[in-house]
Amino acid sequence: MKKHTTTQYWKSHGFITDPFSLGDNEKFFISPDWEEYLDLLPQFVRFCNTLLLVTGEKNVGKSALISQFTREKLNGTQSISINASECSGIEYLLELLHKNYGAPLAEDASISASTQLDKQLDYLKQNNQQRLLIIDDAEQLPLDMRQACLQIIQQQTPVSTCLPIILIGDTTLTAQFNALLTPTTAKECLHDIYINPLNLEQTSAYLKWCCLSTNGPRQNFPFSEEQIETLYTNSKGAIGSINAAAQQLLQQDSNETTFHWQQLLKGKTLWWMITIVIIIALLYLYQFINQPPELSKTFTKPLTMREGQQPKPNKDYQVANAIVKSQPAAATQVPVTQAQPVSQKPTMPTPAPQKLPVKTQHKEVHVVKMASKPAVRKNKTSSLFTSVMSERLILQKQRILKIDPKSYSLQLVAGQNLPAIQKFILNHRLQETALIAKVTKQSKTWYIVIYGVFPSAQAAKQGTKLLPPSLQAQKPWPRSYKSIQEMLKSANEK
């Protein structure tokens, strides 16, 4: 769509700039359904050795979601973001790892690319750092690059995850990688997050978010409910399509408004309207003058006749008597609603006939929304959460077993619901400080959240005073690492 160069276009709608510009923004609209992905992706990068595929329809917002994740959640992680169109083959990946991470690159052409990739992965494992490789439009990757991605995943373990990979693309991406693996290996190595398009309610929230984010002089919202439903139907909830449709709709409204005012001021329409108003005013005045008088207000004294004089009946006199008899004593004012110039004043042509299809479409859009709302693939997200947390529990178990058994820790909370335990850690921002111990007690699995390493039980009690009030309310109590390690070892033996 052609971009406007003047600011008058957006000022006519109350904005300083285009609220639906497709340029880079500091923040991106995140629907409530996507919040769980922003909490899950950092854990994938740190504790998972699988390949994550972020799929969805075109223009639904996949790349923007990952950009928001890398901007806000990647603390201390080195990331490389490329487009699949840039990857000519596995040699491009070898040069990329050499340039960004200093991985060795052999000049000998006799060494195969697969062997060189193994050496680079060994180098990355020795230099233990948090890294991430992101490839957009991954369905366009050549075959050797797909095989290289699988080789990287197969060479990693939960303990030595040196280069997690996130691939972004359409729904064909999952089928491409499943074709390269056996069903069992694909189930273990591949995870798929499907990004759903916006529904009608989220589309309205996104339009309002765009209008408010431009900081216009009035922060105007120029869309009616019918227009929002039309935008949603035409875009099918894809954010990129919503932007284009909203820009086109605002452009049409602006052009129609400008056209009508120009015709009104420059042509003869204004003079015809003035002439019609004058004619209506004259007709109103004529009707008012020729209205039959109210006799109760005209005569304050009764009429007297001379002796022997008889009244001459005439048509006007009979009409006046009929009016007096038909009206109450307190005379009412003559109604003027039929002669008001405002009701007969011709109005400016408006595109009212064009709104009829939209109103007719109101019920149809509502039915389609309820019937065609895509189902969220909760099983995929749950599978990824289980895989991430299992790898994380293995690493944390190794850390707990290495701590001096004479030391003490603070047990914050314990439970059998792992998602609830993880939510507790996220809510209190304990991702970097707390540990989870998976133990078995009375044939039941328990998850214990412990905090800190103290030299004695007394020191652990003093440490509770340094905790935030929200954690002190949990009434943490000291516990020796020896007891925790014994429970971990007994669970392993069983």
Foldseek 3Di string as FASTA:
>chain_A
DDDDDDQVLVVVQQFRDQLLDPDDDPADDDDPVCPVVLVQVVLCLQQNLFAEEEAEDPLQCRVVSVVNSVNPPDDQEAEDEEELVVDPALVVVLVVLCVPPVFDDDPDPVDDSLVSLVSSLVVLQVVDGRYEYEYEQCVSHDPRVLVSLVSLSVVDDSVRRRYHYYYYHYPCVLVVNPVVDDPVVCLRRYFYFYRFADFLVVLVVNQLVSLVVRVGPVSGRPDDSLRSLVLCVVQVRRSVSSSVSVVVVSVVVSVVVVVLVCCCVVHCVVVVLVVVLVVLVVVLVVCVVPPQDQVLVVDPDDDDDDPPDDDDDDDSVVVNVVVNVVADNPDDDDDCVVSDSVVVRDDGDDPVVVCVVSVVCVVVSVVCSVVVRDDGPVVSVVSSVVSSVVSQQVVLLVVLLPDDQQWKWWWQDKDQDVVVVVVVCVVQVCPPFWGWHWFADPNGTMIIIIGDTGNHQVVNVVVLVVDPPVSVVSVIHMDGSNVSNVRNVVRVVD
